[in-house]
């Protein structure tokens, strides 16, 4: 994670001072009074901007730097001010999180190093409540408020706990250097956080502003949200896409004599794949409605999304004459092209039947079907463009357009169906369309990078058309992937709904890992 630390200003970064000079080392302001004054001024400063968390790290640093310049404040307080800006932005999210889902994270260096009798386990310090330091008092204060406490050297497990839903926000005390290093990871996982920097770095005899920690612990609950965490939604969908569960929703279950066909259709939906698209549809619905559970009719939307996606893969395998997918024989290789075409056609029809069924609220059916049909048409146009590429020497722009037409529609349909189900599609349509375009292209580029031996991949094409070795071509495609990945996160940054923005950051981080 070191390469993602908030980088100090350097001579190569005009307008910033040399970090090697002693006067420019990042520190906390020197007195409690000065720190209190700056926190109040920074909160007022941030409140003037319509900021929805999570805010990208460069934007946080820019806000802090603008504040420093406007008020003539020493630049060595930049990181401290950046932390304070981030706190002010996340506070509105923390207020919506139940206290029992907030974690107090304390550093081990707060203990009495010489006399501490506590032991350690694989998570951190097991406080013995000896009273020789402040750890016991803070842990007890947090427990009175219903919060969990962890005393540990690092917060490496916190993101996993957030995904699992055990923890939804972190209030932490840490040295300024450690905070600047953990910022990128916290931002990547959209973890609501409130950080109190130690006033001096080092592992002995340090201190922090107790009044600021009391303020953070006392952040009240305001209209708390009890929506299920992503891990719970994943488990729900994993159960939904089991054969037995699918049979309750599909028309094919009424025809017991179609054993091979039925097995192929069920297998296409249930086996392999990560079910990203139904996950996106369900998560968008949950975020926009702040619902505590997925209603049964939204399950049908999720199945429809996967029906459309898997049908497109079956037809794509036939059109590309691919004999293997997910490391196994494709349906047309197993059962023949006619049966595979029919399975794909069935799944398309099944998707529309689910969207138009009486289980779906009547006011939503037409809009849901229209959104799916538009995505279906765009996908077919993208596939047609790909056929044309087989006969031409395509340009990079042509390939990117094909990726957008062919891969983005499935994400677009997932996003829009979730938003339509929540009754808020018009509020977020433009942003979700931009996100799905960037996400679809980046996802296809990632697929090519992970299958760079494929002679039909973009890496091979780039190598041929530019006369460069495959490693150089792979590096160029990696740069393209990073660019479109950034475009996806830039689109997310325009989302004006905090719950939707948080979930989109988390799930996009999983779909599009850093390269």
Protein backbone atom coordinates (compact mmCIF):
# COMPACT_ATOMS: atom_id res chain seq x y z
CA UNK A 1 0.00 0.00 0.00
CA UNK A 2 3.04 2.28 0.26
CA UNK A 3 2.68 3.47 -3.31
CA UNK A 4 -0.74 4.89 -2.41
CA UNK A 5 0.35 6.99 0.54
CA UNK A 6 -0.59 10.67 0.42
CA UNK A 7 2.53 11.84 -1.34
CA UNK A 8 4.29 14.89 0.10
CA UNK A 9 4.78 17.86 -2.17
CA UNK A 10 8.05 17.79 -4.11
CA UNK A 11 9.97 20.04 -6.48
CA UNK A 12 8.33 18.04 -9.31
CA UNK A 13 4.95 19.11 -7.96
CA UNK A 14 4.98 22.90 -8.55
CA UNK A 15 3.73 25.21 -5.84
CA UNK A 16 4.56 22.79 -3.02
CA UNK A 17 7.43 22.88 -0.61
CA UNK A 18 10.28 20.40 -0.26
CA UNK A 19 9.22 17.74 2.31
CA UNK A 20 12.85 17.11 3.27
CA UNK A 21 13.13 20.51 4.92
CA UNK A 22 12.56 20.24 8.72
CA UNK A 23 9.95 22.98 8.64
CA UNK A 24 7.86 20.96 6.18
CA UNK A 25 7.61 17.62 7.97
CA UNK A 26 3.95 16.71 8.43
CA UNK A 27 2.87 17.34 12.02
CA UNK A 28 -0.18 18.16 14.09
CA UNK A 29 -0.79 21.78 15.13
CA UNK A 30 1.17 22.55 18.27
CA UNK A 31 -1.47 23.33 20.91
CA UNK A 32 -4.89 21.95 21.93
CA UNK A 33 -6.41 25.40 21.48
CA UNK A 34 -5.04 25.68 17.94
CA UNK A 35 -6.29 22.21 17.03
CA UNK A 36 -9.78 22.95 18.38
CA UNK A 37 -9.90 26.21 16.46
CA UNK A 38 -8.78 24.57 13.21
CA UNK A 39 -11.26 21.71 13.55
CA UNK A 40 -14.13 24.15 13.98
CA UNK A 41 -12.98 26.23 11.01
CA UNK A 42 -12.48 23.14 8.82
CA UNK A 43 -15.95 21.82 9.65
CA UNK A 44 -17.44 25.16 8.65
CA UNK A 45 -15.28 25.23 5.51
CA UNK A 46 -16.36 21.74 4.40
CA UNK A 47 -20.04 22.46 5.08
CA UNK A 48 -20.00 24.98 2.23
CA UNK A 49 -19.39 22.22 -0.33
CA UNK A 50 -22.01 19.67 -1.48
CA UNK A 51 -19.73 16.73 -0.71
CA UNK A 52 -21.07 13.16 -0.65
CA UNK A 53 -18.73 10.56 0.86
CA UNK A 54 -16.57 8.80 -0.06
CA UNK A 55 -14.58 11.68 -1.56
CA UNK A 56 -11.49 10.66 -3.62
CA UNK A 57 -8.19 11.19 -1.86
CA UNK A 58 -6.83 13.80 -4.34
CA UNK A 59 -9.96 15.87 -3.75
CA UNK A 60 -9.49 15.67 0.04
CA UNK A 61 -5.89 16.83 -0.27
CA UNK A 62 -6.92 19.62 -2.65
CA UNK A 63 -9.55 20.86 -0.18
CA UNK A 64 -6.99 20.87 2.62
CA UNK A 65 -4.40 22.69 0.49
CA UNK A 66 -6.93 25.34 -0.57
CA UNK A 67 -7.84 25.88 3.09
CA UNK A 68 -4.17 26.23 4.06
CA UNK A 69 -3.51 28.74 1.28
CA UNK A 70 -6.65 30.75 2.03
CA UNK A 71 -5.81 31.12 5.72
CA UNK A 72 -2.01 31.28 5.56
CA UNK A 73 -1.62 28.08 7.56
CA UNK A 74 1.72 26.20 7.63
CA UNK A 75 1.94 23.46 5.00
CA UNK A 76 3.31 20.91 7.47
CA UNK A 77 -0.26 20.67 8.81
CA UNK A 78 -1.61 19.55 5.43
CA UNK A 79 -2.10 15.87 6.31
CA UNK A 80 -3.65 16.72 9.68
CA UNK A 81 -6.09 19.05 7.92
CA UNK A 82 -6.83 16.38 5.28
CA UNK A 83 -7.78 13.93 8.03
CA UNK A 84 -10.02 16.55 9.63
CA UNK A 85 -11.71 17.32 6.29
CA UNK A 86 -12.37 13.63 5.78
CA UNK A 87 -13.86 13.37 9.28
CA UNK A 88 -16.26 16.22 8.60
CA UNK A 89 -17.42 14.65 5.35
CA UNK A 90 -17.94 11.16 6.80
CA UNK A 91 -19.71 12.39 9.93
CA UNK A 92 -23.02 12.62 8.08
CA UNK A 93 -22.68 8.93 7.14
CA UNK A 94 -21.68 7.84 10.64
CA UNK A 95 -24.84 9.43 12.05
CA UNK A 96 -26.90 6.97 9.99
CA UNK A 97 -25.00 3.93 11.27
CA UNK A 98 -26.28 2.19 14.43
CA UNK A 99 -23.81 2.51 17.29
CA UNK A 100 -23.54 -1.26 17.65
CA UNK A 101 -22.07 -1.29 14.13
CA UNK A 102 -19.35 1.25 14.96
CA UNK A 103 -15.85 0.21 16.00
CA UNK A 104 -13.43 2.10 18.22
CA UNK A 105 -9.91 1.34 16.99
CA UNK A 106 -7.09 2.29 19.41
CA UNK A 107 -3.34 1.98 18.84
CA UNK A 108 -1.25 -0.35 21.00
CA UNK A 109 1.11 2.54 21.79
CA UNK A 110 -1.49 4.01 24.16
CA UNK A 111 -0.76 1.29 26.70
CA UNK A 112 1.86 1.65 29.45
CA UNK A 113 4.60 -0.10 27.53
CA UNK A 114 6.77 -0.89 30.56
CA UNK A 115 4.09 -2.11 32.96
CA UNK A 116 1.25 -3.38 30.75
CA UNK A 117 0.23 -6.94 31.76
CA UNK A 118 -2.02 -7.47 28.72
CA UNK A 119 -1.51 -10.32 26.30
CA UNK A 120 -2.13 -10.40 22.54
CA UNK A 121 -4.11 -12.60 20.22
CA UNK A 122 -4.18 -12.59 16.42
CA UNK A 123 -6.39 -9.48 16.41
CA UNK A 124 -4.63 -7.28 18.94
CA UNK A 125 -4.32 -6.39 22.61
CA UNK A 126 -6.34 -8.27 25.24
CA UNK A 127 -6.68 -5.51 27.81
CA UNK A 128 -6.33 -6.69 31.43
CA UNK A 129 -8.18 -3.63 32.82
CA UNK A 130 -5.25 -2.84 35.10
CA UNK A 131 -5.94 0.89 34.99
CA UNK A 132 -2.32 1.86 34.24
CA UNK A 133 -3.29 3.61 30.98
CA UNK A 134 -6.30 5.16 29.25
CA UNK A 135 -7.17 2.08 27.18
CA UNK A 136 -9.50 0.62 29.82
CA UNK A 137 -11.42 3.87 30.27
CA UNK A 138 -11.91 4.38 26.54
CA UNK A 139 -12.95 0.78 25.98
CA UNK A 140 -15.50 1.05 28.77
CA UNK A 141 -16.78 4.36 27.40
CA UNK A 142 -17.28 2.77 23.98
CA UNK A 143 -19.01 -0.26 25.48
CA UNK A 144 -21.44 1.97 27.39
CA UNK A 145 -22.43 3.39 24.02
CA UNK A 146 -22.84 -0.10 22.57
CA UNK A 147 -19.68 0.01 20.43
CA UNK A 148 -16.99 -2.63 19.97
CA UNK A 149 -13.32 -1.82 20.64
CA UNK A 150 -10.12 -3.13 19.07
CA UNK A 151 -6.61 -2.26 20.27
CA UNK A 152 -4.24 -3.22 17.48
CA UNK A 153 -1.21 -2.14 15.47
CA UNK A 154 -3.11 -2.02 12.18
CA UNK A 155 -6.60 -2.01 10.75
CA UNK A 156 -5.94 -4.54 8.00
CA UNK A 157 -9.00 -6.62 8.88
CA UNK A 158 -11.44 -3.77 9.21
CA UNK A 159 -12.40 -3.70 5.52
CA UNK A 160 -13.30 -7.40 5.67
CA UNK A 161 -15.43 -6.79 8.76
CA UNK A 162 -17.18 -3.93 6.98
CA UNK A 163 -17.97 -6.13 3.99
CA UNK A 164 -19.27 -8.85 6.28
CA UNK A 165 -21.51 -6.30 7.96
CA UNK A 166 -20.09 -6.79 11.44
CA UNK A 167 -18.74 -3.23 11.40
CA UNK A 168 -20.06 -0.32 9.35
CA UNK A 169 -17.93 2.57 10.62
CA UNK A 170 -14.56 3.04 12.33
CA UNK A 171 -13.61 5.69 14.87
CA UNK A 172 -9.87 5.44 15.27
CA UNK A 173 -6.86 6.95 16.99
CA UNK A 174 -3.55 6.64 15.16
CA UNK A 175 -0.32 8.44 14.35
CA UNK A 176 -0.50 10.84 11.42
CA UNK A 177 1.91 8.80 9.33
CA UNK A 178 -0.18 5.62 9.74
CA UNK A 179 -3.36 7.48 8.89
CA UNK A 180 -1.94 8.79 5.62
CA UNK A 181 -0.99 5.21 4.73
CA UNK A 182 -4.38 3.70 5.57
CA UNK A 183 -6.41 6.45 3.87
CA UNK A 184 -6.17 4.85 0.40
CA UNK A 185 -7.40 1.46 1.62
CA UNK A 186 -10.23 3.01 3.64
CA UNK A 187 -11.28 5.10 0.65
CA UNK A 188 -11.07 2.15 -1.76
CA UNK A 189 -13.45 0.16 0.42
CA UNK A 190 -15.65 3.20 1.21
CA UNK A 191 -15.34 2.61 4.96
CA UNK A 192 -16.94 5.44 6.95
CA UNK A 193 -14.20 6.64 9.28
CA UNK A 194 -13.46 9.31 11.85
CA UNK A 195 -9.79 9.58 12.76
CA UNK A 196 -8.11 11.33 15.68
CA UNK A 197 -4.38 11.77 14.96
CA UNK A 198 -1.85 11.36 17.72
CA UNK A 199 -0.28 14.69 18.53
CA UNK A 200 3.22 13.24 18.33
CA UNK A 201 4.48 10.32 16.28
CA UNK A 202 6.40 7.54 17.99
CA UNK A 203 5.40 4.58 20.10
CA UNK A 204 6.06 5.95 23.60
CA UNK A 205 4.56 8.72 25.71
CA UNK A 206 2.30 9.99 22.98
CA UNK A 207 -1.09 11.59 23.41
CA UNK A 208 -4.17 12.68 21.48
CA UNK A 209 -7.07 15.10 21.91
CA UNK A 210 -9.44 13.38 24.30
CA UNK A 211 -12.19 15.92 23.69
CA UNK A 212 -12.15 15.08 19.97
CA UNK A 213 -12.47 11.35 20.64
CA UNK A 214 -15.36 12.06 23.02
CA UNK A 215 -17.00 14.09 20.25
CA UNK A 216 -16.57 11.23 17.76
CA UNK A 217 -17.89 8.58 20.15
CA UNK A 218 -20.90 10.75 20.93
CA UNK A 219 -21.93 11.25 17.27
CA UNK A 220 -25.65 10.52 17.57
CA UNK A 221 -27.74 8.07 15.62
CA UNK A 222 -30.01 9.87 13.17
CA UNK A 223 -32.49 7.78 11.19
CA UNK A 224 -30.15 4.76 11.21
CA UNK A 225 -30.07 2.40 8.25
CA UNK A 226 -30.36 -1.36 8.70
CA UNK A 227 -29.83 -2.43 5.08
CA UNK A 228 -28.12 -5.84 4.71
CA UNK A 229 -24.34 -5.73 4.06
CA UNK A 230 -22.91 -6.87 0.75
CA UNK A 231 -21.78 -10.24 2.13
CA UNK A 232 -25.34 -11.02 3.23
CA UNK A 233 -26.71 -10.03 -0.17
CA UNK A 234 -24.15 -12.31 -1.83
CA UNK A 235 -25.24 -15.22 0.36
CA UNK A 236 -28.88 -14.50 -0.48
CA UNK A 237 -28.14 -14.54 -4.22
CA UNK A 238 -25.97 -17.65 -3.95
CA UNK A 239 -28.98 -19.46 -2.46
CA UNK A 240 -31.30 -17.97 -5.08
CA UNK A 241 -29.18 -19.34 -7.93
CA UNK A 242 -29.24 -22.92 -6.73
CA UNK A 243 -31.15 -25.31 -9.01
CA UNK A 244 -33.90 -26.04 -6.50
CA UNK A 245 -34.55 -22.34 -5.84
CA UNK A 246 -34.52 -21.48 -9.54
CA UNK A 247 -37.14 -24.13 -10.31
CA UNK A 248 -39.69 -22.14 -8.28
CA UNK A 249 -39.30 -19.17 -10.61
CA UNK A 250 -38.80 -20.67 -14.07
CA UNK A 251 -41.53 -21.86 -16.44
CA UNK A 252 -39.36 -24.78 -17.51
CA UNK A 253 -40.01 -26.50 -14.18
CA UNK A 254 -43.49 -27.38 -15.43
CA UNK A 255 -42.03 -29.65 -18.14
CA UNK A 256 -40.39 -32.61 -16.46
CA UNK A 257 -39.85 -34.48 -19.74
CA UNK A 258 -37.32 -31.90 -21.05
CA UNK A 259 -34.49 -33.26 -18.93
CA UNK A 260 -31.44 -32.37 -21.08
CA UNK A 261 -32.81 -28.97 -22.04
CA UNK A 262 -33.89 -28.21 -18.48
CA UNK A 263 -30.52 -29.27 -17.07
CA UNK A 264 -28.68 -27.07 -19.58
CA UNK A 265 -30.83 -24.03 -18.81
CA UNK A 266 -30.55 -24.42 -15.04
CA UNK A 267 -26.83 -25.08 -15.29
CA UNK A 268 -26.32 -21.93 -17.36
CA UNK A 269 -27.86 -19.84 -14.58
CA UNK A 270 -26.53 -21.58 -11.51
CA UNK A 271 -23.05 -22.81 -12.35
CA UNK A 272 -19.95 -20.63 -12.64
CA UNK A 273 -19.77 -16.91 -12.95
CA UNK A 274 -19.80 -14.42 -10.08
CA UNK A 275 -23.37 -13.18 -10.51
CA UNK A 276 -22.09 -9.61 -10.52
CA UNK A 277 -25.04 -8.29 -12.51
CA UNK A 278 -27.85 -9.59 -10.27
CA UNK A 279 -25.75 -8.41 -7.32
CA UNK A 280 -25.62 -4.91 -8.79
CA UNK A 281 -29.38 -4.85 -9.40
CA UNK A 282 -30.13 -5.96 -5.83
CA UNK A 283 -27.60 -3.60 -4.25
CA UNK A 284 -28.84 -0.56 -6.19
CA UNK A 285 -32.40 -1.33 -5.07
CA UNK A 286 -31.32 -1.73 -1.43
CA UNK A 287 -29.22 1.43 -1.44
CA UNK A 288 -31.92 3.63 -2.93
CA UNK A 289 -34.75 2.28 -0.80
CA UNK A 290 -32.67 1.73 2.37
CA UNK A 291 -34.68 -1.45 2.73
CA UNK A 292 -33.67 -3.99 5.41
CA UNK A 293 -34.27 -6.93 3.04
CA UNK A 294 -34.69 -7.96 -0.60
CA UNK A 295 -38.38 -8.49 -1.39
CA UNK A 296 -39.28 -11.63 -3.39
CA UNK A 297 -40.24 -9.66 -6.49
CA UNK A 298 -36.75 -8.13 -6.63
CA UNK A 299 -35.38 -11.68 -6.61
CA UNK A 300 -37.20 -12.13 -9.91
CA UNK A 301 -35.48 -9.04 -11.31
CA UNK A 302 -32.12 -10.47 -10.28
CA UNK A 303 -32.87 -13.78 -12.02
CA UNK A 304 -34.01 -11.91 -15.15
CA UNK A 305 -30.73 -9.96 -15.25
CA UNK A 306 -28.77 -13.22 -15.11
CA UNK A 307 -31.02 -14.84 -17.74
CA UNK A 308 -30.17 -12.06 -20.21
CA UNK A 309 -26.46 -12.24 -19.41
CA UNK A 310 -26.12 -16.01 -19.64
CA UNK A 311 -28.15 -16.13 -22.84
CA UNK A 312 -25.72 -13.65 -24.39
CA UNK A 313 -22.77 -15.84 -23.36
CA UNK A 314 -24.34 -18.96 -24.89
CA UNK A 315 -24.96 -17.18 -28.19
CA UNK A 316 -21.52 -15.54 -28.06
CA UNK A 317 -19.83 -18.93 -27.64
CA UNK A 318 -21.65 -20.22 -30.73
CA UNK A 319 -20.81 -17.13 -32.79
CA UNK A 320 -17.14 -17.24 -31.76
CA UNK A 321 -16.97 -21.03 -32.07
CA UNK A 322 -15.60 -21.32 -28.53
CA UNK A 323 -15.60 -24.83 -27.13
CA UNK A 324 -14.83 -23.92 -23.52
CA UNK A 325 -16.06 -21.42 -20.95
CA UNK A 326 -15.20 -21.39 -17.25
CA UNK A 327 -12.84 -24.28 -18.02
CA UNK A 328 -15.69 -26.57 -19.15
CA UNK A 329 -17.26 -27.49 -22.46
CA UNK A 330 -19.74 -24.95 -23.78
CA UNK A 331 -23.35 -25.97 -24.23
CA UNK A 332 -23.12 -26.09 -28.02
CA UNK A 333 -20.00 -28.27 -27.77
CA UNK A 334 -21.82 -30.65 -25.42
CA UNK A 335 -25.30 -30.74 -26.97
CA UNK A 336 -24.92 -29.23 -30.42
CA UNK A 337 -25.60 -25.79 -31.86
CA UNK A 338 -29.39 -26.14 -32.31
CA UNK A 339 -29.99 -27.03 -28.66
CA UNK A 340 -27.61 -24.29 -27.44
CA UNK A 341 -29.40 -21.66 -29.55
CA UNK A 342 -32.69 -22.83 -28.11
CA UNK A 343 -31.41 -22.67 -24.52
CA UNK A 344 -30.21 -19.12 -25.11
CA UNK A 345 -33.54 -18.15 -26.67
CA UNK A 346 -35.39 -19.69 -23.75
CA UNK A 347 -33.37 -17.67 -21.23
CA UNK A 348 -34.08 -14.45 -23.13
CA UNK A 349 -37.79 -15.21 -23.09
CA UNK A 350 -37.64 -16.22 -19.45
CA UNK A 351 -36.02 -12.90 -18.55
CA UNK A 352 -38.84 -10.93 -20.16
CA UNK A 353 -41.50 -13.21 -18.67
CA UNK A 354 -40.10 -12.56 -15.20
CA UNK A 355 -40.07 -8.79 -15.71
CA UNK A 356 -43.63 -8.75 -17.01
CA UNK A 357 -45.08 -11.18 -14.47
CA UNK A 358 -47.84 -10.25 -12.06
CA UNK A 359 -45.38 -10.59 -9.19
CA UNK A 360 -43.81 -7.30 -10.30
CA UNK A 361 -45.62 -4.06 -9.33
CA UNK A 362 -47.81 -3.16 -12.30
CA UNK A 363 -46.57 0.44 -12.46
CA UNK A 364 -42.99 -0.73 -13.03
CA UNK A 365 -43.38 -3.53 -15.59
CA UNK A 366 -43.33 -1.49 -18.80
CA UNK A 367 -40.29 0.54 -17.74
CA UNK A 368 -38.39 -2.57 -16.65
CA UNK A 369 -39.10 -4.38 -19.93
CA UNK A 370 -38.17 -1.30 -21.97
CA UNK A 371 -34.83 -0.92 -20.18
CA UNK A 372 -34.02 -4.60 -20.71
CA UNK A 373 -35.04 -4.47 -24.38
CA UNK A 374 -32.86 -1.42 -25.03
CA UNK A 375 -29.88 -3.19 -23.46
CA UNK A 376 -30.65 -6.30 -25.50
CA UNK A 377 -30.63 -4.31 -28.75
CA UNK A 378 -27.37 -2.54 -27.86
CA UNK A 379 -25.75 -5.89 -27.09
CA UNK A 380 -26.78 -7.28 -30.49
CA UNK A 381 -25.40 -4.19 -32.23
CA UNK A 382 -22.13 -4.63 -30.35
CA UNK A 383 -21.95 -8.25 -31.42
CA UNK A 384 -22.60 -7.20 -35.03
CA UNK A 385 -19.76 -4.70 -34.79
CA UNK A 386 -17.49 -7.47 -33.52
CA UNK A 387 -18.35 -9.61 -36.56
CA UNK A 388 -17.27 -6.75 -38.79
CA UNK A 389 -13.95 -6.51 -36.95
CA UNK A 390 -13.10 -10.02 -38.08
CA UNK A 391 -12.92 -8.75 -41.67
CA UNK A 392 -11.26 -5.38 -41.09
CA UNK A 393 -8.12 -4.01 -39.48
CA UNK A 394 -9.87 -2.19 -36.63
CA UNK A 395 -8.60 0.95 -34.97
CA UNK A 396 -8.29 1.18 -31.21
CA UNK A 397 -11.31 3.53 -31.11
CA UNK A 398 -13.37 0.97 -33.03
CA UNK A 399 -12.42 -1.76 -30.58
CA UNK A 400 -13.32 0.47 -27.59
CA UNK A 401 -16.68 1.25 -29.18
CA UNK A 402 -17.30 -2.46 -29.68
CA UNK A 403 -16.43 -3.17 -26.06
CA UNK A 404 -18.84 -0.45 -24.95
CA UNK A 405 -21.67 -1.78 -27.09
CA UNK A 406 -21.06 -5.43 -26.30
CA UNK A 407 -20.13 -5.49 -22.60
CA UNK A 408 -21.62 -2.36 -21.06
CA UNK A 409 -25.33 -3.18 -21.73
CA UNK A 410 -25.44 -6.03 -19.21
CA UNK A 411 -24.14 -3.72 -16.47
CA UNK A 412 -26.46 -0.93 -17.66
CA UNK A 413 -29.52 -3.20 -17.44
CA UNK A 414 -28.52 -4.34 -13.95
CA UNK A 415 -28.09 -0.77 -12.68
CA UNK A 416 -31.27 0.52 -14.29
CA UNK A 417 -33.47 -2.37 -13.22
CA UNK A 418 -32.38 -1.84 -9.61
CA UNK A 419 -33.02 1.91 -9.86
CA UNK A 420 -36.38 1.45 -11.60
CA UNK A 421 -37.43 -1.04 -8.93
CA UNK A 422 -36.57 1.60 -6.33
CA UNK A 423 -38.59 4.23 -8.22
CA UNK A 424 -35.52 6.47 -8.68
CA UNK A 425 -34.19 5.72 -12.16
CA UNK A 426 -34.67 9.25 -13.48
CA UNK A 427 -32.62 10.71 -10.61
CA UNK A 428 -29.57 8.57 -11.38
CA UNK A 429 -29.93 7.47 -15.00
CA UNK A 430 -27.20 9.64 -16.58
CA UNK A 431 -24.63 8.76 -13.93
CA UNK A 432 -25.42 5.05 -14.10
CA UNK A 433 -25.11 5.10 -17.89
CA UNK A 434 -21.67 6.74 -17.70
CA UNK A 435 -20.61 4.25 -15.07
CA UNK A 436 -21.84 1.23 -17.03
CA UNK A 437 -19.97 2.37 -20.17
CA UNK A 438 -16.66 2.79 -18.32
CA UNK A 439 -17.22 -0.34 -16.24
CA UNK A 440 -18.07 -2.44 -19.31
CA UNK A 441 -15.00 -1.34 -21.27
CA UNK A 442 -12.68 -1.75 -18.28
CA UNK A 443 -14.14 -5.18 -17.56
CA UNK A 444 -13.48 -6.31 -21.14
CA UNK A 445 -9.93 -4.92 -20.99
CA UNK A 446 -9.37 -6.81 -17.74
CA UNK A 447 -10.62 -9.98 -19.41
CA UNK A 448 -8.10 -9.50 -22.24
CA UNK A 449 -5.30 -8.87 -19.75
CA UNK A 450 -6.13 -12.08 -17.90
CA UNK A 451 -6.26 -14.02 -21.18
CA UNK A 452 -3.32 -12.38 -22.95
CA UNK A 453 -2.38 -15.57 -24.82
CA UNK A 454 -5.59 -15.34 -26.86
CA UNK A 455 -4.64 -14.44 -30.45
CA UNK A 456 -7.90 -12.48 -30.74
CA UNK A 457 -7.27 -10.35 -27.64
CA UNK A 458 -6.64 -6.63 -27.74
CA UNK A 459 -3.06 -7.30 -26.65
CA UNK A 460 -2.44 -9.37 -29.77
CA UNK A 461 -4.14 -6.75 -31.95
CA UNK A 462 -2.12 -3.92 -30.39
CA UNK A 463 1.08 -5.89 -30.86
CA UNK A 464 0.33 -6.55 -34.55
CA UNK A 465 -0.90 -3.10 -35.51
CA UNK A 466 1.83 -1.20 -33.67
CA UNK A 467 4.70 -3.60 -34.32
CA UNK A 468 5.61 -3.92 -30.65
CA UNK A 469 6.38 -7.02 -28.54
CA UNK A 470 3.52 -8.53 -26.57
CA UNK A 471 4.89 -7.31 -23.18
CA UNK A 472 4.83 -3.74 -24.47
CA UNK A 473 1.35 -4.27 -25.87
CA UNK A 474 0.20 -5.70 -22.53
CA UNK A 475 1.60 -2.62 -20.77
CA UNK A 476 -0.32 -0.35 -23.14
CA UNK A 477 -3.57 -2.27 -22.57
CA UNK A 478 -2.94 -2.08 -18.81
CA UNK A 479 -2.71 1.70 -19.11
CA UNK A 480 -6.00 1.70 -21.02
CA UNK A 481 -7.58 -0.43 -18.31
CA UNK A 482 -6.42 2.00 -15.63
CA UNK A 483 -7.83 4.92 -17.59
CA UNK A 484 -11.30 3.36 -17.94
CA UNK A 485 -11.19 2.16 -14.34
CA UNK A 486 -10.56 5.77 -13.32
CA UNK A 487 -13.44 6.87 -15.53
CA UNK A 488 -15.71 4.44 -13.69
CA UNK A 489 -14.73 5.88 -10.31
CA UNK A 490 -15.04 9.43 -11.66
CA UNK A 491 -18.61 8.60 -12.69
CA UNK A 492 -19.31 7.23 -9.20
CA UNK A 493 -17.97 10.46 -7.71
CA UNK A 494 -20.89 12.29 -9.37
CA UNK A 495 -23.48 10.17 -7.53
CA UNK A 496 -25.50 12.38 -5.17
CA UNK A 497 -26.88 9.61 -2.95
CA UNK A 498 -24.57 8.56 -0.12
CA UNK A 499 -25.77 4.96 0.18
CA UNK A 500 -25.65 4.39 -3.57
CA UNK A 501 -22.23 5.98 -3.90
CA UNK A 502 -20.78 3.89 -1.07
CA UNK A 503 -22.00 0.58 -2.48
CA UNK A 504 -20.88 1.45 -6.04
CA UNK A 505 -17.38 2.21 -4.79
CA UNK A 506 -17.20 -1.10 -2.93
CA UNK A 507 -18.54 -3.30 -5.70
CA UNK A 508 -16.58 -1.55 -8.48
CA UNK A 509 -13.42 -2.02 -6.46
CA UNK A 510 -14.13 -5.76 -6.50
CA UNK A 511 -15.06 -5.96 -10.18
CA UNK A 512 -12.15 -3.79 -11.32
CA UNK A 513 -9.10 -4.51 -9.14
CA UNK A 514 -6.05 -2.28 -9.32
CA UNK A 515 -3.42 -3.18 -11.89
